[in-house]
Amino acid sequence: MSAAEPALGDDAGQPLTEARRAHCREVLDRAFEFLDGEMADLDCDAVRAHLLECASCVVQLAEDEELKRVIRSGCPCEEAPTTLRARILLQITEVRTTLG
């Protein structure tokens, strides 16, 4: 495992099956969507349920949240134009739909 790749699984001694590893990857791949409040309610509920069982994902999300805080504190407070944000969100949705 590389330094850039977080450890997956939990600290509760549960076996780390491939399914659990895949679920960790899915949660971490969507971390910023979760932290930014851009995730559907059902998906948020699933992430929260996973976080109750997975200490390593909690740690990684805390690190991602800290990274966002540091970036916000060092960058000017400019927002992207509404039309740009809408185009980006549409493209994200299209990619997710395509990739399944």
Protein backbone atom coordinates (compact mmCIF):
# COMPACT_ATOMS: atom_id res chain seq x y z
CA MET A 1 0.00 0.00 0.00
CA SER A 2 1.37 3.45 -0.91
CA ALA A 3 1.44 6.46 1.40
CA ALA A 4 -1.24 8.09 -0.78
CA GLU A 5 -3.57 5.12 -0.39
CA PRO A 6 -5.39 5.03 2.97
CA ALA A 7 -5.70 1.84 4.95
CA LEU A 8 -9.11 0.32 4.45
CA GLY A 9 -11.19 -1.45 7.05
CA ASP A 10 -11.87 -0.91 10.70
CA ASP A 11 -10.24 -1.27 14.06
CA ALA A 12 -12.96 -3.51 15.52
CA GLY A 13 -11.31 -6.75 14.45
CA GLN A 14 -13.91 -7.55 11.81
CA PRO A 15 -12.54 -9.46 8.84
CA LEU A 16 -11.70 -7.21 5.91
CA THR A 17 -13.48 -8.95 3.06
CA GLU A 18 -13.26 -7.77 -0.54
CA ALA A 19 -16.84 -6.48 -0.21
CA ARG A 20 -15.92 -4.36 2.84
CA ARG A 21 -12.79 -3.12 1.08
CA ALA A 22 -14.92 -2.13 -1.96
CA HIS A 23 -17.40 -0.34 0.29
CA CYS A 24 -14.55 1.61 1.91
CA ARG A 25 -13.27 2.61 -1.54
CA GLU A 26 -16.76 3.74 -2.56
CA VAL A 27 -17.15 5.85 0.59
CA LEU A 28 -13.72 7.42 0.20
CA ASP A 29 -14.22 8.06 -3.53
CA ARG A 30 -17.31 10.10 -2.64
CA ALA A 31 -15.87 11.74 0.48
CA PHE A 32 -15.90 15.30 -0.83
CA GLU A 33 -19.41 14.89 -2.19
CA PHE A 34 -20.46 13.78 1.32
CA LEU A 35 -18.52 16.54 3.09
CA ASP A 36 -19.90 19.20 0.73
CA GLY A 37 -23.50 18.12 1.31
CA GLU A 38 -23.93 17.24 -2.37
CA MET A 39 -24.98 13.64 -1.83
CA ALA A 40 -28.55 12.30 -1.91
CA ASP A 41 -30.11 11.57 1.48
CA LEU A 42 -30.10 7.78 1.01
CA ASP A 43 -26.44 7.84 0.01
CA CYS A 44 -25.62 10.03 3.04
CA ASP A 45 -27.39 7.54 5.28
CA ALA A 46 -25.34 4.70 3.79
CA VAL A 47 -22.08 6.63 4.31
CA ARG A 48 -23.03 7.46 7.92
CA ALA A 49 -23.85 3.79 8.59
CA HIS A 50 -20.48 2.76 7.15
CA LEU A 51 -18.68 5.34 9.28
CA LEU A 52 -20.27 3.92 12.43
CA GLU A 53 -18.51 0.63 11.66
CA CYS A 54 -15.26 1.75 10.03
CA ALA A 55 -12.72 3.71 12.04
CA SER A 56 -10.22 4.00 9.18
CA CYS A 57 -12.80 5.71 6.95
CA VAL A 58 -13.67 8.08 9.81
CA VAL A 59 -9.98 9.00 10.07
CA GLN A 60 -9.68 9.50 6.31
CA LEU A 61 -12.81 11.68 6.16
CA ALA A 62 -11.47 13.78 9.04
CA GLU A 63 -8.23 14.27 7.08
CA ASP A 64 -10.21 15.24 3.96
CA GLU A 65 -12.27 17.70 6.00
CA GLU A 66 -9.07 19.24 7.41
CA LEU A 67 -7.65 19.53 3.89
CA LYS A 68 -10.79 21.39 2.78
CA ARG A 69 -10.47 23.70 5.79
CA VAL A 70 -6.82 24.50 5.02
CA ILE A 71 -7.59 25.17 1.36
CA ARG A 72 -10.53 27.43 2.29
CA SER A 73 -8.40 29.39 4.74
CA GLY A 74 -5.66 29.98 2.14
CA CYS A 75 -7.82 30.79 -0.87
CA PRO A 76 -9.86 33.87 -1.63
CA CYS A 77 -13.57 33.48 -1.08
CA GLU A 78 -14.71 33.45 -4.68
CA GLU A 79 -17.50 31.19 -5.84
CA ALA A 80 -17.73 29.66 -9.27
CA PRO A 81 -20.49 31.13 -11.44
CA THR A 82 -23.81 29.32 -11.08
CA THR A 83 -23.78 28.21 -14.71
CA LEU A 84 -20.31 26.67 -14.34
CA ARG A 85 -21.33 24.81 -11.19
CA ALA A 86 -24.45 23.50 -12.96
CA ARG A 87 -22.40 22.29 -15.97
CA ILE A 88 -19.90 20.52 -13.72
CA LEU A 89 -22.62 18.81 -11.68
CA LEU A 90 -24.35 17.72 -14.89
CA GLN A 91 -21.11 16.22 -16.21
CA ILE A 92 -20.49 14.40 -12.92
CA THR A 93 -24.00 12.95 -13.07
CA GLU A 94 -23.50 11.87 -16.69
CA VAL A 95 -20.18 10.15 -15.87
CA ARG A 96 -21.71 8.35 -12.87
CA THR A 97 -24.65 7.22 -14.98
CA THR A 98 -22.33 5.97 -17.71
CA LEU A 99 -20.00 4.16 -15.31
CA GLY A 100 -22.91 2.74 -13.37
